[in-house]
PDB file of all heavy atoms in Angstrom:
ATOM      1  N   ARG A   1       0.836  -1.241   0.038  1.00  0.00           N
ATOM      2  CA  ARG A   1       0.010   0.039   0.008  1.00  0.00           C
ATOM      3  C   ARG A   1       0.815   1.243   0.025  1.00  0.00           C
ATOM      4  O   ARG A   1       0.456   2.280   0.482  1.00  0.00           O
ATOM      5  CB  ARG A   1      -0.942   0.010   1.175  1.00  0.00           C
ATOM      6  CG  ARG A   1      -2.036  -1.078   1.175  1.00  0.00           C
ATOM      7  CD  ARG A   1      -3.025  -0.951   2.259  1.00  0.00           C
ATOM      8  NE  ARG A   1      -3.708   0.360   2.207  1.00  0.00           N
ATOM      9  CZ  ARG A   1      -4.511   0.871   3.150  1.00  0.00           C
ATOM     10  NH1 ARG A   1      -4.546   0.177   4.319  1.00  0.00           N
ATOM     11  NH2 ARG A   1      -5.101   1.990   3.063  1.00  0.00           N
ATOM     12  N   SER A   2       2.061   1.211  -0.590  1.00  0.00           N
ATOM     13  CA  SER A   2       2.961   2.334  -0.600  1.00  0.00           C
ATOM     14  C   SER A   2       2.804   3.075  -1.942  1.00  0.00           C
ATOM     15  O   SER A   2       2.256   2.591  -2.917  1.00  0.00           O
ATOM     16  CB  SER A   2       4.408   1.900  -0.432  1.00  0.00           C
ATOM     17  OG  SER A   2       4.809   1.258  -1.582  1.00  0.00           O
ATOM     18  N   ILE A   3       3.338   4.290  -1.995  1.00  0.00           N
ATOM     19  CA  ILE A   3       3.301   5.149  -3.227  1.00  0.00           C
ATOM     20  C   ILE A   3       4.190   4.435  -4.223  1.00  0.00           C
ATOM     21  O   ILE A   3       3.923   4.507  -5.519  1.00  0.00           O
ATOM     22  CB  ILE A   3       3.790   6.548  -2.919  1.00  0.00           C
ATOM     23  CG1 ILE A   3       3.594   7.429  -4.156  1.00  0.00           C
ATOM     24  CG2 ILE A   3       5.263   6.547  -2.458  1.00  0.00           C
ATOM     25  CD1 ILE A   3       2.121   7.638  -4.512  1.00  0.00           C
ATOM     26  N   TYR A   4       5.204   3.696  -3.818  1.00  0.00           N
ATOM     27  CA  TYR A   4       6.027   2.955  -4.750  1.00  0.00           C
ATOM     28  C   TYR A   4       5.186   1.923  -5.533  1.00  0.00           C
ATOM     29  O   TYR A   4       5.186   1.845  -6.770  1.00  0.00           O
ATOM     30  CB  TYR A   4       7.157   2.222  -4.006  1.00  0.00           C
ATOM     31  CG  TYR A   4       8.010   1.299  -4.939  1.00  0.00           C
ATOM     32  CD1 TYR A   4       9.021   1.779  -5.689  1.00  0.00           C
ATOM     33  CD2 TYR A   4       7.653  -0.073  -4.996  1.00  0.00           C
ATOM     34  CE1 TYR A   4       9.750   0.926  -6.545  1.00  0.00           C
ATOM     35  CE2 TYR A   4       8.342  -0.906  -5.816  1.00  0.00           C
ATOM     36  CZ  TYR A   4       9.356  -0.487  -6.633  1.00  0.00           C
ATOM     37  OH  TYR A   4      10.103  -1.251  -7.414  1.00  0.00           O
ATOM     38  N   LYS A   5       4.412   1.123  -4.841  1.00  0.00           N
ATOM     39  CA  LYS A   5       3.589   0.136  -5.421  1.00  0.00           C
ATOM     40  C   LYS A   5       2.521   0.819  -6.327  1.00  0.00           C
ATOM     41  O   LYS A   5       2.265   0.272  -7.422  1.00  0.00           O
ATOM     42  CB  LYS A   5       2.908  -0.695  -4.327  1.00  0.00           C
ATOM     43  CG  LYS A   5       1.882  -1.721  -4.829  1.00  0.00           C
ATOM     44  CD  LYS A   5       2.567  -2.893  -5.467  1.00  0.00           C
ATOM     45  CE  LYS A   5       1.591  -3.987  -5.745  1.00  0.00           C
ATOM     46  NZ  LYS A   5       2.205  -5.096  -6.593  1.00  0.00           N
ATOM     47  N   ALA A   6       1.913   1.873  -5.835  1.00  0.00           N
ATOM     48  CA  ALA A   6       0.936   2.536  -6.711  1.00  0.00           C
ATOM     49  C   ALA A   6       1.535   2.999  -8.003  1.00  0.00           C
ATOM     50  O   ALA A   6       0.922   2.844  -9.102  1.00  0.00           O
ATOM     51  CB  ALA A   6       0.382   3.688  -5.909  1.00  0.00           C
ATOM     52  N   LEU A   7       2.688   3.601  -7.963  1.00  0.00           N
ATOM     53  CA  LEU A   7       3.345   4.129  -9.252  1.00  0.00           C
ATOM     54  C   LEU A   7       3.739   3.031 -10.144  1.00  0.00           C
ATOM     55  O   LEU A   7       3.537   3.076 -11.350  1.00  0.00           O
ATOM     56  CB  LEU A   7       4.599   4.921  -8.832  1.00  0.00           C
ATOM     57  CG  LEU A   7       4.343   6.461  -8.617  1.00  0.00           C
ATOM     58  CD1 LEU A   7       5.696   7.097  -8.161  1.00  0.00           C
ATOM     59  CD2 LEU A   7       3.854   7.168  -9.782  1.00  0.00           C
ATOM     60  N   ILE A   8       4.300   1.951  -9.633  1.00  0.00           N
ATOM     61  CA  ILE A   8       4.846   0.861 -10.422  1.00  0.00           C
ATOM     62  C   ILE A   8       3.661   0.182 -11.183  1.00  0.00           C
ATOM     63  O   ILE A   8       3.779  -0.275 -12.242  1.00  0.00           O
ATOM     64  CB  ILE A   8       5.650  -0.116  -9.660  1.00  0.00           C
ATOM     65  CG1 ILE A   8       6.969   0.567  -9.136  1.00  0.00           C
ATOM     66  CG2 ILE A   8       5.986  -1.350 -10.444  1.00  0.00           C
ATOM     67  CD1 ILE A   8       7.784   1.122 -10.270  1.00  0.00           C
ATOM     68  N   ASP A   9       2.512   0.138 -10.522  1.00  0.00           N
ATOM     69  CA  ASP A   9       1.326  -0.642 -11.077  1.00  0.00           C
ATOM     70  C   ASP A   9       0.338   0.222 -11.773  1.00  0.00           C
ATOM     71  O   ASP A   9      -0.595  -0.276 -12.311  1.00  0.00           O
ATOM     72  CB  ASP A   9       0.616  -1.429  -9.982  1.00  0.00           C
ATOM     73  CG  ASP A   9       1.479  -2.582  -9.487  1.00  0.00           C
ATOM     74  OD1 ASP A   9       2.541  -2.831 -10.107  1.00  0.00           O
ATOM     75  OD2 ASP A   9       1.129  -3.127  -8.404  1.00  0.00           O
ATOM     76  N   VAL A  10       0.561   1.531 -11.845  1.00  0.00           N
ATOM     77  CA  VAL A  10      -0.531   2.420 -12.351  1.00  0.00           C
ATOM     78  C   VAL A  10      -0.797   2.204 -13.835  1.00  0.00           C
ATOM     79  O   VAL A  10      -1.963   2.395 -14.244  1.00  0.00           O
ATOM     80  CB  VAL A  10      -0.141   3.899 -12.104  1.00  0.00           C
ATOM     81  CG1 VAL A  10       0.992   4.307 -12.944  1.00  0.00           C
ATOM     82  CG2 VAL A  10      -1.341   4.798 -12.419  1.00  0.00           C
ATOM     83  N   ASP A  11       0.154   1.708 -14.570  1.00  0.00           N
ATOM     84  CA  ASP A  11      -0.066   1.590 -16.048  1.00  0.00           C
ATOM     85  C   ASP A  11      -0.373   0.146 -16.472  1.00  0.00           C
ATOM     86  O   ASP A  11      -0.353  -0.225 -17.623  1.00  0.00           O
ATOM     87  CB  ASP A  11       1.143   2.065 -16.813  1.00  0.00           C
ATOM     88  CG  ASP A  11       2.449   1.268 -16.525  1.00  0.00           C
ATOM     89  OD1 ASP A  11       2.503   0.648 -15.485  1.00  0.00           O
ATOM     90  OD2 ASP A  11       3.379   1.350 -17.301  1.00  0.00           O
ATOM     91  N   HIS A  12      -0.628  -0.720 -15.436  1.00  0.00           N
ATOM     92  CA  HIS A  12      -0.991  -2.110 -15.755  1.00  0.00           C
ATOM     93  C   HIS A  12      -2.325  -2.180 -16.467  1.00  0.00           C
ATOM     94  O   HIS A  12      -3.206  -1.515 -16.118  1.00  0.00           O
ATOM     95  CB  HIS A  12      -1.142  -2.909 -14.489  1.00  0.00           C
ATOM     96  CG  HIS A  12       0.264  -3.419 -13.926  1.00  0.00           C
ATOM     97  ND1 HIS A  12       0.408  -4.371 -12.957  1.00  0.00           N
ATOM     98  CD2 HIS A  12       1.516  -3.032 -14.236  1.00  0.00           C
ATOM     99  CE1 HIS A  12       1.659  -4.499 -12.702  1.00  0.00           C
ATOM    100  NE2 HIS A  12       2.379  -3.709 -13.416  1.00  0.00           N
ATOM    101  N   ASP A  13      -2.394  -2.967 -17.531  1.00  0.00           N
ATOM    102  CA  ASP A  13      -3.600  -3.155 -18.303  1.00  0.00           C
ATOM    103  C   ASP A  13      -4.627  -3.905 -17.461  1.00  0.00           C
ATOM    104  O   ASP A  13      -5.849  -3.576 -17.605  1.00  0.00           O
ATOM    105  CB  ASP A  13      -3.295  -3.994 -19.601  1.00  0.00           C
ATOM    106  CG  ASP A  13      -2.458  -3.171 -20.586  1.00  0.00           C
ATOM    107  OD1 ASP A  13      -2.540  -1.948 -20.467  1.00  0.00           O
ATOM    108  OD2 ASP A  13      -1.770  -3.823 -21.359  1.00  0.00           O
ATOM    109  N   VAL A  14      -4.246  -4.777 -16.568  1.00  0.00           N
ATOM    110  CA  VAL A  14      -5.106  -5.481 -15.732  1.00  0.00           C
ATOM    111  C   VAL A  14      -4.932  -5.017 -14.336  1.00  0.00           C
ATOM    112  O   VAL A  14      -3.923  -4.934 -13.708  1.00  0.00           O
ATOM    113  CB  VAL A  14      -4.889  -7.045 -15.820  1.00  0.00           C
ATOM    114  CG1 VAL A  14      -5.818  -7.736 -14.806  1.00  0.00           C
ATOM    115  CG2 VAL A  14      -4.941  -7.565 -17.162  1.00  0.00           C
ATOM    116  N   ASN A  15      -6.137  -4.522 -13.743  1.00  0.00           N
ATOM    117  CA  ASN A  15      -6.114  -3.962 -12.349  1.00  0.00           C
ATOM    118  C   ASN A  15      -5.093  -2.910 -12.156  1.00  0.00           C
ATOM    119  O   ASN A  15      -4.218  -3.006 -11.296  1.00  0.00           O
ATOM    120  CB  ASN A  15      -5.909  -5.116 -11.368  1.00  0.00           C
ATOM    121  CG  ASN A  15      -7.051  -6.088 -11.387  1.00  0.00           C
ATOM    122  OD1 ASN A  15      -8.190  -5.794 -11.556  1.00  0.00           O
ATOM    123  ND2 ASN A  15      -6.693  -7.296 -11.188  1.00  0.00           N
ATOM    124  N   PRO A  16      -5.130  -1.822 -12.930  1.00  0.00           N
ATOM    125  CA  PRO A  16      -4.151  -0.711 -12.678  1.00  0.00           C
ATOM    126  C   PRO A  16      -4.398  -0.081 -11.365  1.00  0.00           C
ATOM    127  O   PRO A  16      -5.521  -0.195 -10.753  1.00  0.00           O
ATOM    128  CB  PRO A  16      -4.444   0.264 -13.804  1.00  0.00           C
ATOM    129  CG  PRO A  16      -5.886  -0.015 -14.162  1.00  0.00           C
ATOM    130  CD  PRO A  16      -6.152  -1.484 -14.020  1.00  0.00           C
ATOM    131  N   SER A  17      -3.454   0.637 -10.831  1.00  0.00           N
ATOM    132  CA  SER A  17      -3.524   1.270  -9.502  1.00  0.00           C
ATOM    133  C   SER A  17      -4.640   2.292  -9.477  1.00  0.00           C
ATOM    134  O   SER A  17      -4.768   3.107 -10.327  1.00  0.00           O
ATOM    135  CB  SER A  17      -2.216   1.904  -9.101  1.00  0.00           C
ATOM    136  OG  SER A  17      -1.195   0.977  -9.022  1.00  0.00           O
ATOM    137  N   ASN A  18      -5.351   2.348  -8.382  1.00  0.00           N
ATOM    138  CA  ASN A  18      -6.329   3.311  -8.008  1.00  0.00           C
ATOM    139  C   ASN A  18      -5.757   3.986  -6.753  1.00  0.00           C
ATOM    140  O   ASN A  18      -5.676   3.307  -5.712  1.00  0.00           O
ATOM    141  CB  ASN A  18      -7.675   2.720  -7.736  1.00  0.00           C
ATOM    142  CG  ASN A  18      -8.734   3.780  -7.371  1.00  0.00           C
ATOM    143  OD1 ASN A  18      -8.382   4.920  -7.014  1.00  0.00           O
ATOM    144  ND2 ASN A  18     -10.017   3.383  -7.348  1.00  0.00           N
ATOM    145  N   ILE A  19      -5.430   5.241  -6.789  1.00  0.00           N
ATOM    146  CA  ILE A  19      -4.793   5.933  -5.626  1.00  0.00           C
ATOM    147  C   ILE A  19      -5.579   5.860  -4.348  1.00  0.00           C
ATOM    148  O   ILE A  19      -5.087   5.691  -3.232  1.00  0.00           O
ATOM    149  CB  ILE A  19      -4.421   7.360  -5.968  1.00  0.00           C
ATOM    150  CG1 ILE A  19      -3.601   8.016  -4.869  1.00  0.00           C
ATOM    151  CG2 ILE A  19      -5.682   8.157  -6.194  1.00  0.00           C
ATOM    152  CD1 ILE A  19      -2.270   7.378  -4.626  1.00  0.00           C
ATOM    153  N   GLU A  20      -6.900   5.746  -4.500  1.00  0.00           N
ATOM    154  CA  GLU A  20      -7.746   5.739  -3.321  1.00  0.00           C
ATOM    155  C   GLU A  20      -7.553   4.382  -2.489  1.00  0.00           C
ATOM    156  O   GLU A  20      -7.798   4.376  -1.332  1.00  0.00           O
ATOM    157  CB  GLU A  20      -9.252   5.868  -3.733  1.00  0.00           C
ATOM    158  CG  GLU A  20      -9.570   7.244  -4.256  1.00  0.00           C
ATOM    159  CD  GLU A  20     -11.019   7.420  -4.613  1.00  0.00           C
ATOM    160  OE1 GLU A  20     -11.832   7.471  -3.740  1.00  0.00           O
ATOM    161  OE2 GLU A  20     -11.320   7.471  -5.842  1.00  0.00           O
ATOM    162  N   ASP A  21      -7.024   3.338  -3.126  1.00  0.00           N
ATOM    163  CA  ASP A  21      -6.766   2.134  -2.496  1.00  0.00           C
ATOM    164  C   ASP A  21      -5.537   2.220  -1.558  1.00  0.00           C
ATOM    165  O   ASP A  21      -5.289   1.378  -0.732  1.00  0.00           O
ATOM    166  CB  ASP A  21      -6.560   1.013  -3.422  1.00  0.00           C
ATOM    167  CG  ASP A  21      -7.862   0.660  -4.215  1.00  0.00           C
ATOM    168  OD1 ASP A  21      -8.891   0.925  -3.732  1.00  0.00           O
ATOM    169  OD2 ASP A  21      -7.715   0.130  -5.361  1.00  0.00           O
ATOM    170  N   PHE A  22      -4.717   3.298  -1.743  1.00  0.00           N
ATOM    171  CA  PHE A  22      -3.471   3.440  -1.037  1.00  0.00           C
ATOM    172  C   PHE A  22      -3.549   4.514   0.024  1.00  0.00           C
ATOM    173  O   PHE A  22      -2.561   4.756   0.772  1.00  0.00           O
ATOM    174  CB  PHE A  22      -2.378   3.801  -2.045  1.00  0.00           C
ATOM    175  CG  PHE A  22      -2.115   2.697  -3.046  1.00  0.00           C
ATOM    176  CD1 PHE A  22      -2.869   2.521  -4.175  1.00  0.00           C
ATOM    177  CD2 PHE A  22      -1.033   1.816  -2.780  1.00  0.00           C
ATOM    178  CE1 PHE A  22      -2.583   1.492  -5.082  1.00  0.00           C
ATOM    179  CE2 PHE A  22      -0.821   0.743  -3.688  1.00  0.00           C
ATOM    180  CZ  PHE A  22      -1.598   0.612  -4.770  1.00  0.00           C
ATOM    181  N   ILE A  23      -4.688   5.166   0.120  1.00  0.00           N
ATOM    182  CA  ILE A  23      -4.810   6.298   1.102  1.00  0.00           C
ATOM    183  C   ILE A  23      -5.137   5.634   2.472  1.00  0.00           C
ATOM    184  O   ILE A  23      -6.029   4.888   2.666  1.00  0.00           O
ATOM    185  CB  ILE A  23      -5.917   7.240   0.648  1.00  0.00           C
ATOM    186  CG1 ILE A  23      -5.440   7.948  -0.638  1.00  0.00           C
ATOM    187  CG2 ILE A  23      -6.222   8.258   1.713  1.00  0.00           C
ATOM    188  CD1 ILE A  23      -6.582   8.811  -1.222  1.00  0.00           C
ATOM    189  N   ARG A  24      -4.445   6.185   3.481  1.00  0.00           N
ATOM    190  CA  ARG A  24      -4.733   5.781   4.920  1.00  0.00           C
ATOM    191  C   ARG A  24      -5.102   6.978   5.725  1.00  0.00           C
ATOM    192  O   ARG A  24      -4.675   8.114   5.528  1.00  0.00           O
ATOM    193  CB  ARG A  24      -3.424   5.200   5.494  1.00  0.00           C
ATOM    194  CG  ARG A  24      -2.856   3.961   4.898  1.00  0.00           C
ATOM    195  CD  ARG A  24      -1.605   3.657   5.691  1.00  0.00           C
ATOM    196  NE  ARG A  24      -1.041   2.346   5.311  1.00  0.00           N
ATOM    197  CZ  ARG A  24      -0.171   1.770   6.039  1.00  0.00           C
ATOM    198  NH1 ARG A  24       0.362   2.306   7.122  1.00  0.00           N
ATOM    199  NH2 ARG A  24       0.310   0.543   5.655  1.00  0.00           N
ATOM    200  N   SER A  25      -5.970   6.697   6.724  1.00  0.00           N
ATOM    201  CA  SER A  25      -6.200   7.794   7.743  1.00  0.00           C
ATOM    202  C   SER A  25      -4.983   7.794   8.709  1.00  0.00           C
ATOM    203  O   SER A  25      -4.413   6.843   9.060  1.00  0.00           O
ATOM    204  CB  SER A  25      -7.466   7.382   8.498  1.00  0.00           C
ATOM    205  OG  SER A  25      -7.610   8.311   9.643  1.00  0.00           O
TER     206      SER A  25
END
């Protein structure tokens, strides 16, 4: 759930990153 994971996966054709999945309170 880190920004690294979000960035690396953002351009995946299957299940690309959604930033809202990485936001924590």
